[in-house]
Amino acid sequence: MTEFAAQGPKLRNVTHGGHVSPADLEFELKKITGVRTVRVVGDDVPVEIHVVAEKNRPPKQVVRDIQSLAAAGFGMSIDHRIVSVVQLDDDEEMQIEKADGRRPVLDRVVFANKGNTGWVKVALQWPDGEVTEGAASSGASREARARGAATAVQQAIAQTLSSGTVLEIDHVMIQQVGVSESVIVSAVFSDGGQTTPLVGSAIIHDDVATAAVHALLQAVNRKLR
């Protein structure tokens, strides 16, 4: 197996003000052999890297390739303890996709704030490989960021809905649940004259925008078939 430190993919210019953007780092890590999807958590430096990979390579080798690519391409040292690898064989992936139908998964969340204004962009990946994007304005508060992320997901989903099918967001709120905070999203799904209220929630792990995305997807996924 060729090590990426010696022979890796041609890298894009991914530095922004001396930092590597999580979205661009994910883009490069997806080029590693056997890696199917990647989620990088952290703004300036990665604090978590979640990988879905094929079963034809040992997890430790996947982690070493991630460390090698990050070191050779970006001069970045990755602690193996922040990398988690989940492996699926072809049969398992086909069963999951068949069960999920048209249910999307989160591809990336990108957000930026400037003063009291900002924006959130969300990309969803569908089982057939299609990627749809949505973007919405966002304020500086956590509540405004959560609302903007949910609106961006609404736009990304709307691109795949059939005529006469509408998804509308009702409420987006941040609520303390025990020792953790969660984003709760209520929405209304209208299809062929039939209206269904939906509610989804997600614990805030890294940022409220990502939690809002997961909350709305949890709410609406049962209707996407």
Protein backbone atom coordinates (compact mmCIF):
# COMPACT_ATOMS: atom_id res chain seq x y z
CA MET A 1 0.00 0.00 0.00
CA THR A 2 1.46 3.34 -1.02
CA GLU A 3 1.87 5.83 1.80
CA PHE A 4 0.38 9.26 1.08
CA ALA A 5 3.48 10.93 2.47
CA ALA A 6 5.42 9.53 -0.44
CA GLN A 7 2.77 9.57 -3.13
CA GLY A 8 -0.51 11.34 -2.42
CA PRO A 9 -3.17 13.24 -4.36
CA LYS A 10 -2.53 16.66 -5.73
CA LEU A 11 -3.74 19.04 -3.01
CA ARG A 12 -5.75 22.18 -3.47
CA ASN A 13 -4.72 25.46 -1.90
CA VAL A 14 -6.67 25.00 1.33
CA THR A 15 -5.10 27.48 3.68
CA HIS A 16 -7.13 30.52 4.68
CA GLY A 17 -5.31 33.02 6.85
CA GLY A 18 -2.83 30.34 7.92
CA HIS A 19 -5.57 27.82 8.81
CA VAL A 20 -7.06 24.84 7.01
CA SER A 21 -10.81 24.89 6.52
CA PRO A 22 -12.61 21.73 7.78
CA ALA A 23 -14.54 21.42 4.49
CA ASP A 24 -11.36 21.45 2.40
CA LEU A 25 -9.59 19.02 4.73
CA GLU A 26 -12.57 16.68 4.37
CA PHE A 27 -12.31 17.03 0.58
CA GLU A 28 -8.70 15.84 0.62
CA LEU A 29 -9.19 13.04 3.16
CA LYS A 30 -11.97 11.56 1.02
CA LYS A 31 -9.30 10.79 -1.60
CA ILE A 32 -7.68 8.20 0.66
CA THR A 33 -8.18 4.65 -0.61
CA GLY A 34 -11.15 2.98 1.04
CA VAL A 35 -12.55 6.16 2.60
CA ARG A 36 -16.17 6.85 1.70
CA THR A 37 -17.16 9.82 3.84
CA VAL A 38 -15.36 12.09 6.31
CA ARG A 39 -16.58 14.58 8.91
CA VAL A 40 -14.03 16.97 10.45
CA VAL A 41 -15.04 18.80 13.63
CA GLY A 42 -13.15 21.95 14.67
CA ASP A 43 -12.60 25.43 13.31
CA ASP A 44 -8.87 26.23 13.37
CA VAL A 45 -7.60 22.69 14.08
CA PRO A 46 -9.41 19.33 13.97
CA VAL A 47 -10.66 18.11 17.34
CA GLU A 48 -12.59 15.13 15.92
CA ILE A 49 -12.34 13.26 12.61
CA HIS A 50 -15.09 10.75 11.85
CA VAL A 51 -14.54 8.36 8.92
CA VAL A 52 -16.73 5.80 7.17
CA ALA A 53 -14.48 3.36 5.29
CA GLU A 54 -14.58 0.05 3.47
CA LYS A 55 -13.66 -3.16 5.27
CA ASN A 56 -10.87 -4.11 2.87
CA ARG A 57 -8.27 -2.13 4.87
CA PRO A 58 -7.38 -2.26 8.59
CA PRO A 59 -8.67 0.76 10.55
CA LYS A 60 -5.16 1.50 11.83
CA GLN A 61 -3.93 1.81 8.24
CA VAL A 62 -6.71 4.27 7.43
CA VAL A 63 -5.74 6.33 10.47
CA ARG A 64 -2.06 6.27 9.47
CA ASP A 65 -2.95 7.45 5.96
CA ILE A 66 -4.95 10.33 7.45
CA GLN A 67 -1.97 11.28 9.61
CA SER A 68 0.42 11.01 6.65
CA LEU A 69 -1.73 13.12 4.32
CA ALA A 70 -2.28 15.79 6.96
CA ALA A 71 1.44 15.95 7.77
CA ALA A 72 2.70 15.90 4.17
CA GLY A 73 0.02 18.11 2.66
CA PHE A 74 -0.71 20.59 5.42
CA GLY A 75 2.12 20.31 7.95
CA MET A 76 -0.53 19.22 10.46
CA SER A 77 -0.01 16.67 13.22
CA ILE A 78 -3.09 14.51 13.84
CA ASP A 79 -3.42 12.59 17.11
CA HIS A 80 -4.77 9.11 16.35
CA ARG A 81 -7.07 9.42 19.37
CA ILE A 82 -9.28 12.02 17.64
CA VAL A 83 -9.88 9.76 14.61
CA SER A 84 -12.80 7.31 14.67
CA VAL A 85 -13.28 4.81 11.85
CA VAL A 86 -16.55 2.99 11.08
CA GLN A 87 -16.32 0.28 8.43
CA LEU A 88 -19.09 -1.00 6.16
CA ASP A 89 -18.86 -3.76 3.59
CA ASP A 90 -20.75 -3.51 0.30
CA ASP A 91 -23.68 -5.65 1.46
CA GLU A 92 -24.20 -3.58 4.61
CA GLU A 93 -24.07 -0.32 2.68
CA MET A 94 -26.59 -1.60 0.12
CA GLN A 95 -28.94 -2.67 2.92
CA ILE A 96 -28.66 0.73 4.60
CA GLU A 97 -29.30 2.61 1.37
CA LYS A 98 -32.26 0.38 0.57
CA ALA A 99 -33.74 0.95 4.01
CA ASP A 100 -33.15 4.69 3.91
CA GLY A 101 -34.66 5.21 0.44
CA ARG A 102 -34.25 8.88 -0.38
CA ARG A 103 -32.96 9.89 3.04
CA PRO A 104 -29.96 12.25 2.85
CA VAL A 105 -26.94 12.50 5.12
CA LEU A 106 -25.05 15.62 6.11
CA ASP A 107 -22.09 16.32 3.82
CA ARG A 108 -20.87 19.61 5.32
CA VAL A 109 -21.84 22.75 7.20
CA VAL A 110 -20.04 26.03 6.51
CA PHE A 111 -20.80 29.22 8.42
CA ALA A 112 -19.28 32.66 8.88
CA ASN A 113 -20.11 35.67 11.03
CA LYS A 114 -19.20 39.31 10.55
CA GLY A 115 -20.46 41.60 13.27
CA ASN A 116 -24.16 41.01 13.75
CA THR A 117 -24.65 39.32 10.36
CA GLY A 118 -23.52 36.05 8.85
CA TRP A 119 -24.54 33.11 6.71
CA VAL A 120 -24.81 29.32 6.88
CA LYS A 121 -24.39 26.91 3.96
CA VAL A 122 -25.40 23.25 4.21
CA ALA A 123 -24.72 20.43 1.73
CA LEU A 124 -26.64 17.14 1.82
CA GLN A 125 -25.60 13.94 0.09
CA TRP A 126 -28.33 11.59 -1.16
CA PRO A 127 -28.08 7.79 -1.60
CA ASP A 128 -27.65 8.13 -5.39
CA GLY A 129 -24.61 10.39 -4.89
CA GLU A 130 -26.39 13.64 -5.66
CA VAL A 131 -25.42 16.62 -3.49
CA THR A 132 -27.81 19.51 -2.90
CA GLU A 133 -26.98 22.76 -1.13
CA GLY A 134 -28.89 25.46 0.69
CA ALA A 135 -27.82 28.76 2.23
CA ALA A 136 -29.44 31.22 4.60
CA SER A 137 -28.57 34.37 6.49
CA SER A 138 -27.69 34.09 10.15
CA GLY A 139 -27.23 36.52 13.03
CA ALA A 140 -24.53 36.48 15.67
CA SER A 141 -26.61 34.72 18.33
CA ARG A 142 -26.70 30.94 18.74
CA GLU A 143 -30.44 30.91 18.15
CA ALA A 144 -30.06 32.82 14.88
CA ARG A 145 -27.31 30.45 13.73
CA ALA A 146 -29.49 27.42 14.49
CA ARG A 147 -32.42 28.97 12.61
CA GLY A 148 -30.21 29.81 9.63
CA ALA A 149 -28.85 26.24 9.48
CA ALA A 150 -32.36 24.76 9.59
CA THR A 151 -33.45 27.10 6.79
CA ALA A 152 -30.43 26.07 4.70
CA VAL A 153 -31.40 22.39 5.13
CA GLN A 154 -34.96 23.25 4.11
CA GLN A 155 -33.64 24.76 0.87
CA ALA A 156 -31.38 21.76 0.17
CA ILE A 157 -34.25 19.31 0.67
CA ALA A 158 -36.73 21.40 -1.34
CA GLN A 159 -34.67 20.82 -4.50
CA THR A 160 -35.57 17.12 -4.44
CA LEU A 161 -39.25 17.34 -3.49
CA SER A 162 -41.92 16.65 -6.06
CA SER A 163 -44.39 19.28 -7.18
CA GLY A 164 -47.00 19.97 -4.52
CA THR A 165 -44.77 18.79 -1.67
CA VAL A 166 -43.66 21.51 0.76
CA LEU A 167 -41.49 21.52 3.88
CA GLU A 168 -41.90 24.49 6.22
CA ILE A 169 -40.01 25.23 9.44
CA ASP A 170 -42.17 26.20 12.39
CA HIS A 171 -39.92 26.66 15.43
CA VAL A 172 -36.19 26.31 16.18
CA MET A 173 -35.11 26.46 19.81
CA ILE A 174 -32.17 25.62 22.07
CA GLN A 175 -33.14 23.78 25.22
CA GLN A 176 -31.27 22.41 28.23
CA VAL A 177 -31.87 18.68 28.63
CA GLY A 178 -30.16 17.37 31.75
CA VAL A 179 -26.49 18.30 31.55
CA SER A 180 -26.59 18.77 27.77
CA GLU A 181 -28.09 21.33 25.41
CA SER A 182 -30.16 20.28 22.41
CA VAL A 183 -31.59 21.97 19.35
CA ILE A 184 -35.26 21.18 18.79
CA VAL A 185 -36.83 21.83 15.39
CA SER A 186 -40.54 21.59 14.61
CA ALA A 187 -41.65 21.58 10.98
CA VAL A 188 -44.69 20.94 8.80
CA PHE A 189 -44.57 18.56 5.82
CA SER A 190 -47.34 18.94 3.24
CA ASP A 191 -47.83 16.35 0.51
CA GLY A 192 -50.88 16.02 -1.71
CA GLY A 193 -53.06 18.09 0.59
CA GLN A 194 -52.07 16.06 3.67
CA THR A 195 -50.21 18.01 6.36
CA THR A 196 -47.98 16.28 8.93
CA PRO A 197 -46.33 18.04 11.91
CA LEU A 198 -42.75 16.89 12.54
CA VAL A 199 -40.35 17.32 15.46
CA GLY A 200 -36.66 16.46 15.67
CA SER A 201 -33.91 17.08 18.21
CA ALA A 202 -30.14 16.74 18.39
CA ILE A 203 -27.62 17.24 21.18
CA ILE A 204 -25.18 20.11 20.62
CA HIS A 205 -21.70 18.59 20.40
CA ASP A 206 -19.59 21.08 18.44
CA ASP A 207 -21.86 23.90 17.25
CA VAL A 208 -25.55 24.78 17.18
CA ALA A 209 -25.66 24.93 13.37
CA THR A 210 -24.66 21.27 12.96
CA ALA A 211 -27.08 20.23 15.71
CA ALA A 212 -29.90 22.12 13.97
CA VAL A 213 -29.13 20.29 10.73
CA HIS A 214 -29.29 16.90 12.44
CA ALA A 215 -32.48 17.87 14.27
CA LEU A 216 -34.34 18.80 11.08
CA LEU A 217 -33.04 15.71 9.25
CA GLN A 218 -34.26 13.54 12.12
CA ALA A 219 -37.67 15.18 11.84
CA VAL A 220 -38.07 14.94 8.08
CA ASN A 221 -36.24 11.71 7.20
CA ARG A 222 -39.28 9.56 8.00
CA LYS A 223 -41.15 11.38 5.20
CA LEU A 224 -38.42 10.99 2.54
CA ARG A 225 -38.93 7.62 0.84
